[in-house]
Amino acid sequence: MSQQLVGRTGIVTLSIPGGEQLGEVELSFAGGTERFLARATEPVEVDAAVLVVGEMPGRVVDVERWTRLPGL
């Protein structure tokens, strides 16, 4: 499977409880934005920046908390 989302950053739109439970993130993709189901090892709140570290079938991504750069 292509890993075209790994390395992209996004914003949490539905909090991620952590573990195998899913939340939702919005990522810049294909000239616009798209939402994907997301999971993380630890809880991540709404509006937090995240980095995609893995892709699963069914539009599910693994993410980690990320720090936004100033001015972006």
N, C-alpha and C. Protein backbone atom coordinates (compact mmCIF):
# COMPACT_ATOMS: atom_id res chain seq x y z
N MET A 1 0.85 -1.19 0.00
CA MET A 1 0.00 0.00 0.00
C MET A 1 0.88 1.24 0.00
N SER A 2 0.48 2.24 -0.75
CA SER A 2 1.20 3.50 -0.81
C SER A 2 1.07 4.24 0.52
N GLN A 3 2.15 4.85 0.96
CA GLN A 3 2.15 5.61 2.22
C GLN A 3 2.15 7.11 1.91
N GLN A 4 1.18 7.58 1.12
CA GLN A 4 1.17 8.97 0.67
C GLN A 4 0.76 9.97 1.76
N LEU A 5 0.22 9.51 2.88
CA LEU A 5 -0.17 10.44 3.94
C LEU A 5 0.87 10.56 5.04
N VAL A 6 1.77 9.58 5.14
CA VAL A 6 2.80 9.60 6.20
C VAL A 6 3.66 10.85 6.03
N GLY A 7 3.84 11.57 7.14
CA GLY A 7 4.65 12.80 7.12
C GLY A 7 3.82 14.06 7.00
N ARG A 8 2.54 13.93 6.70
CA ARG A 8 1.67 15.11 6.61
C ARG A 8 1.23 15.52 8.01
N THR A 9 0.95 16.79 8.17
CA THR A 9 0.43 17.27 9.45
C THR A 9 -1.04 17.65 9.26
N GLY A 10 -1.76 17.64 10.35
CA GLY A 10 -3.18 17.98 10.30
C GLY A 10 -3.68 18.44 11.65
N ILE A 11 -4.99 18.62 11.73
CA ILE A 11 -5.65 19.11 12.93
C ILE A 11 -6.71 18.09 13.35
N VAL A 12 -6.80 17.83 14.65
CA VAL A 12 -7.82 16.92 15.18
C VAL A 12 -9.18 17.62 15.15
N THR A 13 -10.17 16.96 14.53
CA THR A 13 -11.52 17.52 14.45
C THR A 13 -12.51 16.79 15.36
N LEU A 14 -12.18 15.58 15.76
CA LEU A 14 -12.96 14.80 16.72
C LEU A 14 -11.93 14.13 17.63
N SER A 15 -11.98 14.45 18.92
CA SER A 15 -10.92 14.01 19.84
C SER A 15 -10.60 12.52 19.69
N ILE A 16 -9.32 12.21 19.86
CA ILE A 16 -8.83 10.84 19.75
C ILE A 16 -8.64 10.32 21.17
N PRO A 17 -9.42 9.30 21.58
CA PRO A 17 -9.34 8.81 22.95
C PRO A 17 -8.05 8.09 23.30
N GLY A 18 -7.34 7.58 22.31
CA GLY A 18 -6.11 6.83 22.55
C GLY A 18 -6.34 5.34 22.39
N GLY A 19 -5.26 4.59 22.23
CA GLY A 19 -5.36 3.15 22.02
C GLY A 19 -5.98 2.84 20.67
N GLU A 20 -6.87 1.86 20.64
CA GLU A 20 -7.51 1.45 19.39
C GLU A 20 -8.76 2.26 19.06
N GLN A 21 -9.17 3.16 19.96
CA GLN A 21 -10.37 3.97 19.71
C GLN A 21 -10.06 5.06 18.70
N LEU A 22 -11.04 5.35 17.84
CA LEU A 22 -10.82 6.28 16.74
C LEU A 22 -11.36 7.68 17.01
N GLY A 23 -10.65 8.66 16.47
CA GLY A 23 -11.10 10.03 16.40
C GLY A 23 -11.05 10.43 14.93
N GLU A 24 -10.92 11.72 14.66
CA GLU A 24 -10.90 12.19 13.27
C GLU A 24 -9.92 13.35 13.13
N VAL A 25 -9.21 13.37 11.99
CA VAL A 25 -8.29 14.47 11.69
C VAL A 25 -8.57 15.02 10.30
N GLU A 26 -8.22 16.28 10.11
CA GLU A 26 -8.32 16.92 8.80
C GLU A 26 -6.91 17.16 8.29
N LEU A 27 -6.63 16.65 7.08
CA LEU A 27 -5.30 16.76 6.49
C LEU A 27 -5.38 17.48 5.16
N SER A 28 -4.34 18.25 4.82
CA SER A 28 -4.23 18.81 3.48
C SER A 28 -3.89 17.67 2.55
N PHE A 29 -4.68 17.53 1.48
CA PHE A 29 -4.49 16.40 0.59
C PHE A 29 -5.13 16.68 -0.76
N ALA A 30 -4.42 16.39 -1.82
CA ALA A 30 -4.94 16.49 -3.19
C ALA A 30 -5.48 17.90 -3.51
N GLY A 31 -4.77 18.92 -3.07
CA GLY A 31 -5.16 20.29 -3.39
C GLY A 31 -6.28 20.85 -2.52
N GLY A 32 -6.68 20.13 -1.51
CA GLY A 32 -7.74 20.60 -0.61
C GLY A 32 -7.51 19.98 0.76
N THR A 33 -8.58 19.75 1.47
CA THR A 33 -8.48 19.06 2.76
C THR A 33 -9.45 17.89 2.76
N GLU A 34 -9.07 16.86 3.48
CA GLU A 34 -9.93 15.68 3.63
C GLU A 34 -9.84 15.22 5.07
N ARG A 35 -10.91 14.59 5.53
CA ARG A 35 -10.93 14.05 6.89
C ARG A 35 -10.71 12.55 6.86
N PHE A 36 -9.97 12.08 7.87
CA PHE A 36 -9.64 10.67 7.99
C PHE A 36 -9.89 10.23 9.43
N LEU A 37 -10.27 8.97 9.61
CA LEU A 37 -10.32 8.41 10.94
C LEU A 37 -8.88 8.34 11.45
N ALA A 38 -8.71 8.50 12.76
CA ALA A 38 -7.36 8.54 13.30
C ALA A 38 -7.29 7.87 14.66
N ARG A 39 -6.14 7.28 14.91
CA ARG A 39 -5.88 6.71 16.23
C ARG A 39 -4.49 7.14 16.69
N ALA A 40 -4.32 7.17 18.01
CA ALA A 40 -3.05 7.57 18.62
C ALA A 40 -2.85 6.75 19.88
N THR A 41 -1.62 6.59 20.30
CA THR A 41 -1.35 5.80 21.50
C THR A 41 -1.85 6.50 22.76
N GLU A 42 -1.88 7.84 22.75
CA GLU A 42 -2.35 8.61 23.89
C GLU A 42 -3.46 9.55 23.43
N PRO A 43 -4.35 9.97 24.31
CA PRO A 43 -5.44 10.87 23.92
C PRO A 43 -4.93 12.18 23.32
N VAL A 44 -5.65 12.68 22.31
CA VAL A 44 -5.34 13.96 21.67
C VAL A 44 -6.64 14.74 21.54
N GLU A 45 -6.62 15.99 22.00
CA GLU A 45 -7.84 16.81 22.03
C GLU A 45 -8.10 17.50 20.69
N VAL A 46 -9.33 17.99 20.55
CA VAL A 46 -9.75 18.74 19.36
C VAL A 46 -8.86 19.96 19.18
N ASP A 47 -8.55 20.30 17.94
CA ASP A 47 -7.72 21.44 17.52
C ASP A 47 -6.22 21.23 17.75
N ALA A 48 -5.82 20.07 18.25
CA ALA A 48 -4.38 19.79 18.41
C ALA A 48 -3.77 19.45 17.05
N ALA A 49 -2.52 19.85 16.86
CA ALA A 49 -1.81 19.51 15.64
C ALA A 49 -1.25 18.09 15.78
N VAL A 50 -1.29 17.33 14.69
CA VAL A 50 -0.79 15.96 14.69
C VAL A 50 0.04 15.70 13.44
N LEU A 51 0.89 14.68 13.54
CA LEU A 51 1.72 14.21 12.44
C LEU A 51 1.29 12.78 12.11
N VAL A 52 1.06 12.49 10.84
CA VAL A 52 0.69 11.13 10.42
C VAL A 52 1.95 10.27 10.40
N VAL A 53 1.92 9.14 11.14
CA VAL A 53 3.07 8.25 11.22
C VAL A 53 2.78 6.87 10.63
N GLY A 54 1.53 6.64 10.23
CA GLY A 54 1.18 5.36 9.62
C GLY A 54 -0.17 5.44 8.95
N GLU A 55 -0.38 4.54 7.97
CA GLU A 55 -1.64 4.46 7.23
C GLU A 55 -2.17 3.06 7.29
N MET A 56 -3.48 2.94 7.47
CA MET A 56 -4.14 1.64 7.50
C MET A 56 -5.23 1.65 6.42
N PRO A 57 -5.70 0.48 6.00
CA PRO A 57 -6.81 0.44 5.05
C PRO A 57 -8.06 1.09 5.65
N GLY A 58 -8.95 1.58 4.82
CA GLY A 58 -10.20 2.15 5.28
C GLY A 58 -10.10 3.59 5.73
N ARG A 59 -9.14 4.33 5.20
CA ARG A 59 -8.97 5.75 5.53
C ARG A 59 -8.70 5.98 7.02
N VAL A 60 -7.88 5.12 7.60
CA VAL A 60 -7.48 5.24 9.00
C VAL A 60 -5.99 5.56 9.03
N VAL A 61 -5.63 6.57 9.82
CA VAL A 61 -4.22 6.95 9.97
C VAL A 61 -3.81 6.87 11.44
N ASP A 62 -2.55 6.55 11.66
CA ASP A 62 -1.95 6.61 13.00
C ASP A 62 -1.26 7.96 13.11
N VAL A 63 -1.49 8.65 14.23
CA VAL A 63 -0.93 9.99 14.39
C VAL A 63 -0.23 10.13 15.74
N GLU A 64 0.62 11.13 15.82
CA GLU A 64 1.26 11.55 17.06
C GLU A 64 1.09 13.06 17.20
N ARG A 65 1.03 13.50 18.43
CA ARG A 65 0.92 14.95 18.69
C ARG A 65 2.10 15.66 18.03
N TRP A 66 1.88 16.85 17.51
CA TRP A 66 2.88 17.61 16.77
C TRP A 66 2.82 19.06 17.24
N THR A 67 3.91 19.78 17.08
CA THR A 67 3.95 21.20 17.43
C THR A 67 3.86 22.01 16.15
N ARG A 68 2.89 22.91 16.10
CA ARG A 68 2.74 23.78 14.92
C ARG A 68 3.87 24.81 14.90
N LEU A 69 4.36 25.09 13.71
CA LEU A 69 5.37 26.13 13.57
C LEU A 69 4.69 27.50 13.61
N PRO A 70 5.31 28.48 14.23
CA PRO A 70 4.72 29.82 14.30
C PRO A 70 4.47 30.38 12.88
N GLY A 71 3.32 30.98 12.71
CA GLY A 71 3.00 31.62 11.44
C GLY A 71 2.40 30.71 10.40
N LEU A 72 2.22 29.41 10.72
CA LEU A 72 1.64 28.49 9.74
C LEU A 72 0.24 28.10 10.12
